């Protein structure tokens, strides 16, 4: 499946609907990597491992840079960063699989050069579990 058609929306705590952030260009890997914990006993021939708790990495979304209006994603997410807000996010893939999580945003505008596109990166520090909903 292509990443084309994927959307990222956000809402503030208590909000009822997600507002899509236009200009999404790239999505990150998404999932939990549990820590590998060694739990070998003296009678085992080999080391025995089990999964420990997961460590959710920061996720980075890339967007087209646009700061032409008060509701441009760059400006909205930058203001959320400055206020220290934790927002709810919903990533929706083309097949309607959704991943919902709470995160604190950080915004960085990328550099550019001759014929180079300026983008901005939205880094999200995840502050909740991931809730994945499969399509109907």
C-alpha atoms as a PDB file:
ATOM      1  CA  UNK A   1       0.000   0.000   0.000  1.00  0.00           C
ATOM      2  CA  UNK A   2       1.250   3.468  -0.802  1.00  0.00           C
ATOM      3  CA  UNK A   3       1.465   6.160   1.849  1.00  0.00           C
ATOM      4  CA  UNK A   4      -0.480   8.447  -0.493  1.00  0.00           C
ATOM      5  CA  UNK A   5      -3.767   9.568   1.032  1.00  0.00           C
ATOM      6  CA  UNK A   6      -2.565   9.394   4.652  1.00  0.00           C
ATOM      7  CA  UNK A   7      -3.819  12.176   6.906  1.00  0.00           C
ATOM      8  CA  UNK A   8      -2.748  13.469  10.296  1.00  0.00           C
ATOM      9  CA  UNK A   9      -5.300  15.268  12.433  1.00  0.00           C
ATOM     10  CA  UNK A  10      -5.162  16.792  15.894  1.00  0.00           C
ATOM     11  CA  UNK A  11      -7.525  17.973  18.596  1.00  0.00           C
ATOM     12  CA  UNK A  12      -7.127  19.608  21.967  1.00  0.00           C
ATOM     13  CA  UNK A  13      -8.099  17.797  25.156  1.00  0.00           C
ATOM     14  CA  UNK A  14     -11.870  17.699  25.358  1.00  0.00           C
ATOM     15  CA  UNK A  15     -12.257  18.290  21.615  1.00  0.00           C
ATOM     16  CA  UNK A  16     -14.680  16.139  19.678  1.00  0.00           C
ATOM     17  CA  UNK A  17     -13.297  16.207  16.119  1.00  0.00           C
ATOM     18  CA  UNK A  18      -9.836  16.056  14.625  1.00  0.00           C
ATOM     19  CA  UNK A  19      -8.617  18.897  12.421  1.00  0.00           C
ATOM     20  CA  UNK A  20      -6.501  17.628   9.514  1.00  0.00           C
ATOM     21  CA  UNK A  21      -3.077  19.181   9.030  1.00  0.00           C
ATOM     22  CA  UNK A  22      -2.697  19.801   5.264  1.00  0.00           C
ATOM     23  CA  UNK A  23       0.593  19.451   3.432  1.00  0.00           C
ATOM     24  CA  UNK A  24       1.686  16.110   4.916  1.00  0.00           C
ATOM     25  CA  UNK A  25       4.597  14.730   2.875  1.00  0.00           C
ATOM     26  CA  UNK A  26       6.070  11.891   4.909  1.00  0.00           C
ATOM     27  CA  UNK A  27       4.940   9.661   7.773  1.00  0.00           C
ATOM     28  CA  UNK A  28       7.125   7.868  10.327  1.00  0.00           C
ATOM     29  CA  UNK A  29       7.424   4.246  11.373  1.00  0.00           C
ATOM     30  CA  UNK A  30       4.749   3.563  13.984  1.00  0.00           C
ATOM     31  CA  UNK A  31       4.727   0.928  16.705  1.00  0.00           C
ATOM     32  CA  UNK A  32       6.193  -0.231  19.982  1.00  0.00           C
ATOM     33  CA  UNK A  33       9.493  -2.040  20.376  1.00  0.00           C
ATOM     34  CA  UNK A  34       9.453  -3.910  23.680  1.00  0.00           C
ATOM     35  CA  UNK A  35      12.684  -4.153  25.597  1.00  0.00           C
ATOM     36  CA  UNK A  36      14.264  -7.614  25.448  1.00  0.00           C
ATOM     37  CA  UNK A  37      14.672  -8.860  29.036  1.00  0.00           C
ATOM     38  CA  UNK A  38      16.920 -11.810  29.848  1.00  0.00           C
ATOM     39  CA  UNK A  39      15.271 -14.252  32.300  1.00  0.00           C
ATOM     40  CA  UNK A  40      17.495 -17.337  32.289  1.00  0.00           C
ATOM     41  CA  UNK A  41      17.452 -19.887  35.108  1.00  0.00           C
ATOM     42  CA  UNK A  42      20.312 -22.183  36.089  1.00  0.00           C
ATOM     43  CA  UNK A  43      18.777 -25.236  34.378  1.00  0.00           C
ATOM     44  CA  UNK A  44      18.351 -23.580  30.950  1.00  0.00           C
ATOM     45  CA  UNK A  45      20.748 -24.609  28.162  1.00  0.00           C
ATOM     46  CA  UNK A  46      20.487 -21.213  26.502  1.00  0.00           C
ATOM     47  CA  UNK A  47      19.618 -17.729  27.616  1.00  0.00           C
ATOM     48  CA  UNK A  48      15.864 -17.204  27.762  1.00  0.00           C
ATOM     49  CA  UNK A  49      14.296 -13.855  26.934  1.00  0.00           C
ATOM     50  CA  UNK A  50      10.893 -12.300  27.283  1.00  0.00           C
ATOM     51  CA  UNK A  51       9.448  -9.007  26.199  1.00  0.00           C
ATOM     52  CA  UNK A  52       9.537  -6.200  28.714  1.00  0.00           C
ATOM     53  CA  UNK A  53       7.763  -2.880  28.503  1.00  0.00           C
ATOM     54  CA  UNK A  54       7.784  -0.935  25.267  1.00  0.00           C
ATOM     55  CA  UNK A  55       9.612   2.265  24.522  1.00  0.00           C
ATOM     56  CA  UNK A  56       7.667   4.590  22.246  1.00  0.00           C
ATOM     57  CA  UNK A  57      10.111   6.645  20.203  1.00  0.00           C
ATOM     58  CA  UNK A  58       9.468  10.201  19.069  1.00  0.00           C
ATOM     59  CA  UNK A  59       7.758  10.219  15.683  1.00  0.00           C
ATOM     60  CA  UNK A  60       8.589  12.761  12.982  1.00  0.00           C
ATOM     61  CA  UNK A  61       6.142  13.856  10.286  1.00  0.00           C
ATOM     62  CA  UNK A  62       7.329  16.004   7.362  1.00  0.00           C
ATOM     63  CA  UNK A  63       5.150  18.750   5.924  1.00  0.00           C
ATOM     64  CA  UNK A  64       5.217  21.295   3.146  1.00  0.00           C
ATOM     65  CA  UNK A  65       6.244  24.604   4.711  1.00  0.00           C
ATOM     66  CA  UNK A  66       3.425  27.146   4.638  1.00  0.00           C
ATOM     67  CA  UNK A  67       3.091  30.059   7.058  1.00  0.00           C
ATOM     68  CA  UNK A  68       0.647  32.212   5.087  1.00  0.00           C
ATOM     69  CA  UNK A  69      -2.313  32.054   7.477  1.00  0.00           C
ATOM     70  CA  UNK A  70      -3.158  31.751  11.155  1.00  0.00           C
ATOM     71  CA  UNK A  71      -4.418  28.180  10.616  1.00  0.00           C
ATOM     72  CA  UNK A  72      -1.382  26.928   8.652  1.00  0.00           C
ATOM     73  CA  UNK A  73      -0.026  23.705  10.210  1.00  0.00           C
ATOM     74  CA  UNK A  74       3.407  25.259  10.798  1.00  0.00           C
ATOM     75  CA  UNK A  75       1.954  28.130  12.800  1.00  0.00           C
ATOM     76  CA  UNK A  76      -0.644  26.062  14.684  1.00  0.00           C
ATOM     77  CA  UNK A  77       1.865  23.406  15.773  1.00  0.00           C
ATOM     78  CA  UNK A  78       4.517  26.020  16.629  1.00  0.00           C
ATOM     79  CA  UNK A  79       2.035  27.773  18.939  1.00  0.00           C
ATOM     80  CA  UNK A  80       1.160  24.420  20.546  1.00  0.00           C
ATOM     81  CA  UNK A  81       4.872  23.815  21.102  1.00  0.00           C
ATOM     82  CA  UNK A  82       5.355  27.248  22.669  1.00  0.00           C
ATOM     83  CA  UNK A  83       2.451  26.664  25.050  1.00  0.00           C
ATOM     84  CA  UNK A  84       3.680  23.185  26.034  1.00  0.00           C
ATOM     85  CA  UNK A  85       0.305  21.668  25.159  1.00  0.00           C
ATOM     86  CA  UNK A  86      -0.266  17.955  24.858  1.00  0.00           C
ATOM     87  CA  UNK A  87      -2.620  17.277  21.949  1.00  0.00           C
ATOM     88  CA  UNK A  88      -4.428  14.203  20.668  1.00  0.00           C
ATOM     89  CA  UNK A  89      -3.397  13.033  17.199  1.00  0.00           C
ATOM     90  CA  UNK A  90      -5.003  10.666  14.734  1.00  0.00           C
ATOM     91  CA  UNK A  91      -3.125   9.203  11.790  1.00  0.00           C
ATOM     92  CA  UNK A  92      -5.450   7.765   9.140  1.00  0.00           C
ATOM     93  CA  UNK A  93      -4.022   5.578   6.386  1.00  0.00           C
ATOM     94  CA  UNK A  94      -5.553   5.215   2.940  1.00  0.00           C
ATOM     95  CA  UNK A  95      -7.196   1.914   3.953  1.00  0.00           C
ATOM     96  CA  UNK A  96      -8.844   3.712   6.945  1.00  0.00           C
ATOM     97  CA  UNK A  97      -6.547   2.168   9.601  1.00  0.00           C
ATOM     98  CA  UNK A  98      -6.250   4.751  12.377  1.00  0.00           C
ATOM     99  CA  UNK A  99      -3.648   5.217  15.081  1.00  0.00           C
ATOM    100  CA  UNK A 100      -4.578   7.571  17.922  1.00  0.00           C
ATOM    101  CA  UNK A 101      -2.198   8.921  20.555  1.00  0.00           C
ATOM    102  CA  UNK A 102      -1.476  11.935  22.746  1.00  0.00           C
ATOM    103  CA  UNK A 103       1.757  13.811  22.170  1.00  0.00           C
ATOM    104  CA  UNK A 104       3.637  17.020  22.774  1.00  0.00           C
ATOM    105  CA  UNK A 105       4.640  18.704  19.494  1.00  0.00           C
ATOM    106  CA  UNK A 106       7.940  20.288  18.505  1.00  0.00           C
ATOM    107  CA  UNK A 107       8.399  22.088  15.182  1.00  0.00           C
ATOM    108  CA  UNK A 108      11.568  22.595  13.128  1.00  0.00           C
ATOM    109  CA  UNK A 109      11.776  24.292   9.730  1.00  0.00           C
ATOM    110  CA  UNK A 110      14.250  22.576   7.435  1.00  0.00           C
ATOM    111  CA  UNK A 111      16.917  24.350   5.414  1.00  0.00           C
ATOM    112  CA  UNK A 112      17.021  24.682   1.666  1.00  0.00           C
ATOM    113  CA  UNK A 113      19.161  25.572  -1.316  1.00  0.00           C
ATOM    114  CA  UNK A 114      18.863  26.228  -5.045  1.00  0.00           C
ATOM    115  CA  UNK A 115      15.731  24.431  -6.226  1.00  0.00           C
ATOM    116  CA  UNK A 116      15.456  22.925  -2.741  1.00  0.00           C
ATOM    117  CA  UNK A 117      12.109  22.632  -1.041  1.00  0.00           C
ATOM    118  CA  UNK A 118      11.675  24.059   2.433  1.00  0.00           C
ATOM    119  CA  UNK A 119       9.699  21.781   4.723  1.00  0.00           C
ATOM    120  CA  UNK A 120       8.942  21.594   8.384  1.00  0.00           C
ATOM    121  CA  UNK A 121       9.302  18.620  10.654  1.00  0.00           C
ATOM    122  CA  UNK A 122       6.715  17.931  13.326  1.00  0.00           C
ATOM    123  CA  UNK A 123       8.312  15.837  16.054  1.00  0.00           C
ATOM    124  CA  UNK A 124       5.804  14.301  18.433  1.00  0.00           C
ATOM    125  CA  UNK A 125       6.833  13.042  21.864  1.00  0.00           C
ATOM    126  CA  UNK A 126       4.216  10.394  22.571  1.00  0.00           C
ATOM    127  CA  UNK A 127       2.598  10.651  26.019  1.00  0.00           C
ATOM    128  CA  UNK A 128       0.051   7.798  25.847  1.00  0.00           C
ATOM    129  CA  UNK A 129      -0.515   4.331  24.488  1.00  0.00           C
ATOM    130  CA  UNK A 130      -1.086   3.858  20.769  1.00  0.00           C
ATOM    131  CA  UNK A 131      -4.654   2.888  19.913  1.00  0.00           C
ATOM    132  CA  UNK A 132      -4.850   1.219  16.514  1.00  0.00           C
ATOM    133  CA  UNK A 133      -8.264   0.670  14.911  1.00  0.00           C
ATOM    134  CA  UNK A 134      -8.526  -1.594  11.886  1.00  0.00           C
ATOM    135  CA  UNK A 135     -10.780  -0.701   8.959  1.00  0.00           C
ATOM    136  CA  UNK A 136     -14.304  -2.112   9.008  1.00  0.00           C
END
